[in-house]
Amino acid sequence: MKDMLSSSSSRSVSDVVVAWYNEPGVERWVSALAFAFSERPAGERYRIFVFHKGTAEDAKQRLFDVLGTKCSDVDVFFEHLDNVGREADTWLHYTVARLRAGDMPVNRVAFLQGDPWDHFGTPHGGMERNLYVFSSKLVALLAPTAHPMASNPEPLFCKLMSESRVMRRGLSHPQRLDLERVWVEAFGCECKVDSYVFAAGAQYLVDAMRLSQEKPLSWWTSLHHKLRADEINAWEIERFW
């Protein structure tokens, strides 16, 4: 990874992964979150991975200017990616890279959009655009002392959507979704689910052990290649996280 602010070692590691396009204000909430992490006990380690796909050439500089030195004990990484595959490409890029490097966190991973509030249906547990409230609650979800997750992955700060498999055979979406084919290609078995619930925006809290143990690196790499080759699209993957 690129452009790291300092480093530390710890037994408990949690990551935040940010998919940033051109959303404004990312520097502010990432800085607030990094500051909240810096105030946690020394036995906890947090990393923030910011993946930028936007057009602003000064995005990295703006981010690190806001971070400054006040969060020097928090690992913050920045990398610019090609603007393909929406957030699905970002989530898969992170997962494949961490598995290849052998440094998948041992605790939890939060996957967030550049504007984490954009996909709210209604306020989620007080997660309004208050940076202190937002960062405090996210830290509480990622801390090693956090309560067990209600589900794994657990939808994070976004509206839950319910759809039938049959509905997506039509053209109601800007991209035609062939969910049955994608299911077979991704999981190697027939899709027998008639309806499903998914999180709009694909924001999730995940037990990192699921990313490293339930599927091999070859599976994640294959899925990433299919997305990059446009054999499947981000809206299809969004419904299967």
Protein backbone atom coordinates (compact mmCIF):
# COMPACT_ATOMS: atom_id res chain seq x y z
CA MET A 1 0.00 0.00 0.00
CA LYS A 2 1.01 3.63 -0.37
CA ASP A 3 1.52 6.74 1.74
CA MET A 4 1.35 5.50 5.29
CA LEU A 5 1.21 7.71 8.34
CA SER A 6 3.32 5.89 10.94
CA SER A 7 2.93 2.33 12.12
CA SER A 8 2.34 0.38 15.27
CA SER A 9 1.93 -3.24 16.29
CA SER A 10 -0.85 -4.80 18.30
CA ARG A 11 -2.72 -8.01 18.86
CA SER A 12 -6.09 -6.43 18.08
CA VAL A 13 -6.38 -4.92 14.60
CA SER A 14 -9.48 -3.48 12.91
CA ASP A 15 -9.67 -1.81 9.50
CA VAL A 16 -11.84 0.86 7.90
CA VAL A 17 -12.00 0.76 4.10
CA VAL A 18 -13.23 3.89 2.29
CA ALA A 19 -14.39 4.02 -1.34
CA TRP A 20 -13.90 7.68 -2.30
CA TYR A 21 -14.98 9.08 -5.63
CA ASN A 22 -15.67 12.84 -5.65
CA GLU A 23 -17.70 13.06 -2.45
CA PRO A 24 -16.90 16.25 -0.50
CA GLY A 25 -15.83 16.23 3.14
CA VAL A 26 -14.08 12.86 3.20
CA GLU A 27 -10.98 14.47 4.71
CA ARG A 28 -13.01 15.77 7.66
CA TRP A 29 -14.74 12.57 8.70
CA VAL A 30 -11.67 10.38 8.11
CA SER A 31 -9.63 12.80 10.24
CA ALA A 32 -12.28 12.72 13.00
CA LEU A 33 -12.28 8.94 12.91
CA ALA A 34 -8.47 8.74 13.01
CA PHE A 35 -8.43 11.07 16.02
CA ALA A 36 -11.00 8.88 17.81
CA PHE A 37 -8.85 5.83 17.07
CA SER A 38 -5.75 7.59 18.43
CA GLU A 39 -7.44 7.95 21.83
CA ARG A 40 -8.08 4.22 22.20
CA PRO A 41 -5.97 2.02 24.54
CA ALA A 42 -2.46 1.13 23.35
CA GLY A 43 -3.38 -2.55 22.95
CA GLU A 44 -5.74 -1.73 20.09
CA ARG A 45 -4.64 -0.97 16.54
CA TYR A 46 -6.72 0.62 13.81
CA ARG A 47 -5.94 1.13 10.12
CA ILE A 48 -7.78 3.30 7.60
CA PHE A 49 -7.49 2.48 3.89
CA VAL A 50 -8.70 5.27 1.58
CA PHE A 51 -9.11 4.23 -2.05
CA HIS A 52 -9.68 7.17 -4.38
CA LYS A 53 -11.26 6.87 -7.83
CA GLY A 54 -12.17 10.51 -8.39
CA THR A 55 -10.84 13.28 -10.58
CA ALA A 56 -9.31 15.53 -7.92
CA GLU A 57 -5.55 15.38 -8.36
CA ASP A 58 -4.96 16.93 -4.94
CA ALA A 59 -7.10 14.42 -3.02
CA LYS A 60 -4.14 12.75 -1.31
CA GLN A 61 -2.59 16.06 -0.33
CA ARG A 62 -5.89 17.35 1.07
CA LEU A 63 -6.38 14.20 3.11
CA PHE A 64 -2.94 14.24 4.69
CA ASP A 65 -3.01 18.00 5.23
CA VAL A 66 -6.13 17.59 7.37
CA LEU A 67 -4.74 14.57 9.18
CA GLY A 68 -1.49 16.38 9.93
CA THR A 69 0.47 14.94 12.83
CA LYS A 70 -2.25 14.75 15.44
CA CYS A 71 -3.07 11.15 14.47
CA SER A 72 0.50 9.96 13.91
CA ASP A 73 -0.09 6.75 15.83
CA VAL A 74 -2.92 5.65 13.48
CA ASP A 75 -2.08 3.89 10.21
CA VAL A 76 -3.70 5.72 7.28
CA PHE A 77 -3.13 4.49 3.73
CA PHE A 78 -4.06 6.20 0.47
CA GLU A 79 -4.17 4.63 -2.99
CA HIS A 80 -5.62 5.85 -6.27
CA LEU A 81 -7.50 3.21 -8.28
CA ASP A 82 -8.91 3.18 -11.79
CA ASN A 83 -12.55 4.25 -11.79
CA VAL A 84 -14.09 0.87 -12.58
CA GLY A 85 -16.36 -1.49 -10.70
CA ARG A 86 -17.74 1.03 -8.21
CA GLU A 87 -17.37 0.07 -4.52
CA ALA A 88 -17.34 -3.66 -5.35
CA ASP A 89 -13.97 -3.27 -7.05
CA THR A 90 -12.67 -1.36 -4.02
CA TRP A 91 -13.84 -3.98 -1.52
CA LEU A 92 -12.35 -6.78 -3.63
CA HIS A 93 -9.09 -4.88 -4.22
CA TYR A 94 -8.65 -4.45 -0.46
CA THR A 95 -9.51 -8.08 0.31
CA VAL A 96 -7.21 -9.57 -2.33
CA ALA A 97 -4.34 -7.26 -1.34
CA ARG A 98 -4.63 -8.05 2.36
CA LEU A 99 -4.84 -11.80 1.74
CA ARG A 100 -1.81 -11.69 -0.54
CA ALA A 101 0.16 -9.66 2.01
CA GLY A 102 -0.91 -11.96 4.84
CA ASP A 103 -1.98 -9.06 7.06
CA MET A 104 -5.76 -9.37 7.18
CA PRO A 105 -6.89 -7.84 10.50
CA VAL A 106 -7.82 -10.18 13.33
CA ASN A 107 -10.84 -8.25 14.51
CA ARG A 108 -13.31 -6.44 12.21
CA VAL A 109 -13.49 -4.52 8.93
CA ALA A 110 -15.86 -1.65 8.17
CA PHE A 111 -16.52 -0.96 4.49
CA LEU A 112 -17.77 2.60 3.91
CA GLN A 113 -18.59 4.88 0.99
CA GLY A 114 -16.99 8.31 0.67
CA ASP A 115 -20.29 9.70 1.96
CA PRO A 116 -21.33 7.13 4.59
CA TRP A 117 -24.65 8.92 5.16
CA ASP A 118 -25.79 8.90 1.53
CA HIS A 119 -27.66 5.58 1.74
CA PHE A 120 -29.62 6.15 4.95
CA GLY A 121 -33.27 5.30 4.73
CA THR A 122 -33.89 6.77 8.16
CA PRO A 123 -31.35 7.86 10.81
CA HIS A 124 -29.49 4.73 11.87
CA GLY A 125 -29.03 4.72 15.61
CA GLY A 126 -28.27 8.45 15.77
CA MET A 127 -25.72 8.30 12.97
CA GLU A 128 -26.48 11.82 11.82
CA ARG A 129 -23.87 14.04 10.21
CA ASN A 130 -22.23 14.74 13.53
CA LEU A 131 -18.59 13.73 13.22
CA TYR A 132 -18.16 13.13 16.95
CA VAL A 133 -21.24 10.90 17.16
CA PHE A 134 -20.31 9.10 13.95
CA SER A 135 -16.69 8.39 14.89
CA SER A 136 -17.55 7.41 18.47
CA LYS A 137 -20.16 4.89 17.37
CA LEU A 138 -17.96 3.45 14.65
CA VAL A 139 -15.08 3.02 17.12
CA ALA A 140 -17.47 1.24 19.48
CA LEU A 141 -18.43 -1.19 16.69
CA LEU A 142 -14.79 -1.92 15.80
CA ALA A 143 -13.29 -2.16 19.29
CA PRO A 144 -12.28 -5.62 20.57
CA THR A 145 -14.78 -5.11 23.41
CA ALA A 146 -17.67 -4.52 20.99
CA HIS A 147 -20.87 -6.51 21.31
CA PRO A 148 -21.32 -9.53 19.00
CA MET A 149 -22.58 -8.56 15.57
CA ALA A 150 -26.27 -9.15 14.83
CA SER A 151 -25.27 -10.74 11.51
CA ASN A 152 -22.05 -11.31 9.63
CA PRO A 153 -21.69 -9.24 7.54
CA GLU A 154 -23.78 -6.64 9.34
CA PRO A 155 -25.27 -3.79 7.26
CA LEU A 156 -23.67 -0.53 8.35
CA PHE A 157 -25.39 2.87 8.29
CA CYS A 158 -27.56 2.24 5.26
CA LYS A 159 -31.06 1.34 4.19
CA LEU A 160 -31.96 -2.33 3.81
CA MET A 161 -33.63 -3.28 0.55
CA SER A 162 -35.76 -6.35 -0.13
CA GLU A 163 -36.17 -7.70 -3.65
CA SER A 164 -37.41 -10.79 -5.38
CA ARG A 165 -35.15 -12.70 -7.71
CA VAL A 166 -37.80 -12.58 -10.45
CA MET A 167 -38.05 -8.76 -10.31
CA ARG A 168 -34.44 -8.39 -11.37
CA ARG A 169 -34.99 -10.37 -14.56
CA GLY A 170 -36.55 -7.24 -16.02
CA LEU A 171 -35.15 -3.88 -16.91
CA SER A 172 -36.12 -1.93 -13.79
CA HIS A 173 -32.47 -1.21 -13.01
CA PRO A 174 -30.09 0.99 -15.07
CA GLN A 175 -27.99 -2.13 -15.52
CA ARG A 176 -29.69 -5.42 -16.41
CA LEU A 177 -28.97 -7.79 -13.56
CA ASP A 178 -28.54 -11.50 -14.21
CA LEU A 179 -28.40 -12.65 -10.62
CA GLU A 180 -28.96 -16.34 -11.25
CA ARG A 181 -25.99 -16.55 -13.63
CA VAL A 182 -23.76 -14.56 -11.30
CA TRP A 183 -24.71 -16.77 -8.37
CA VAL A 184 -23.72 -19.89 -10.30
CA GLU A 185 -20.44 -18.33 -11.46
CA ALA A 186 -19.53 -17.04 -8.01
CA PHE A 187 -20.65 -19.91 -5.81
CA GLY A 188 -20.77 -22.89 -8.18
CA CYS A 189 -24.31 -23.93 -7.35
CA GLU A 190 -27.88 -23.14 -8.33
CA CYS A 191 -29.48 -20.08 -6.76
CA LYS A 192 -32.51 -21.30 -4.82
CA VAL A 193 -33.25 -18.01 -3.08
CA ASP A 194 -36.48 -16.38 -4.28
CA SER A 195 -36.03 -13.14 -2.36
CA TYR A 196 -33.21 -11.51 -0.48
CA VAL A 197 -32.32 -8.52 1.63
CA PHE A 198 -29.26 -6.40 0.90
CA ALA A 199 -27.76 -3.13 2.07
CA ALA A 200 -28.00 -0.30 -0.45
CA GLY A 201 -24.53 1.09 -0.92
CA ALA A 202 -22.81 -2.11 0.23
CA GLN A 203 -21.66 -0.69 3.57
CA TYR A 204 -20.91 -3.49 6.01
CA LEU A 205 -19.23 -4.45 9.23
CA VAL A 206 -17.49 -7.80 8.75
CA ASP A 207 -15.70 -10.24 11.01
CA ALA A 208 -12.28 -10.32 9.36
CA MET A 209 -11.99 -14.06 9.95
CA ARG A 210 -14.75 -14.59 7.38
CA LEU A 211 -12.68 -12.83 4.73
CA SER A 212 -9.59 -14.90 5.43
CA GLN A 213 -11.03 -18.34 6.21
CA GLU A 214 -14.33 -18.95 4.43
CA LYS A 215 -13.02 -18.47 0.88
CA PRO A 216 -9.47 -18.93 -0.47
CA LEU A 217 -7.46 -16.17 -2.11
CA SER A 218 -8.05 -17.81 -5.50
CA TRP A 219 -11.83 -17.35 -5.09
CA TRP A 220 -11.54 -13.66 -4.24
CA THR A 221 -9.07 -13.11 -7.08
CA SER A 222 -11.36 -14.85 -9.59
CA LEU A 223 -14.34 -12.74 -8.51
CA HIS A 224 -12.26 -9.58 -8.83
CA HIS A 225 -11.10 -10.57 -12.31
CA LYS A 226 -14.70 -11.25 -13.42
CA LEU A 227 -15.72 -7.80 -12.22
CA ARG A 228 -12.79 -6.13 -13.95
CA ALA A 229 -13.56 -8.03 -17.17
CA ASP A 230 -17.20 -6.86 -16.97
CA GLU A 231 -18.45 -10.44 -16.78
CA ILE A 232 -20.38 -9.39 -13.70
CA ASN A 233 -21.18 -5.88 -12.50
CA ALA A 234 -21.11 -4.02 -9.21
CA TRP A 235 -24.90 -3.89 -8.85
CA GLU A 236 -25.04 -7.69 -9.04
CA ILE A 237 -22.30 -8.14 -6.44
CA GLU A 238 -24.01 -5.53 -4.23
CA ARG A 239 -26.88 -7.96 -3.77
CA PHE A 240 -24.68 -10.89 -2.75
CA TRP A 241 -22.36 -9.46 -0.08
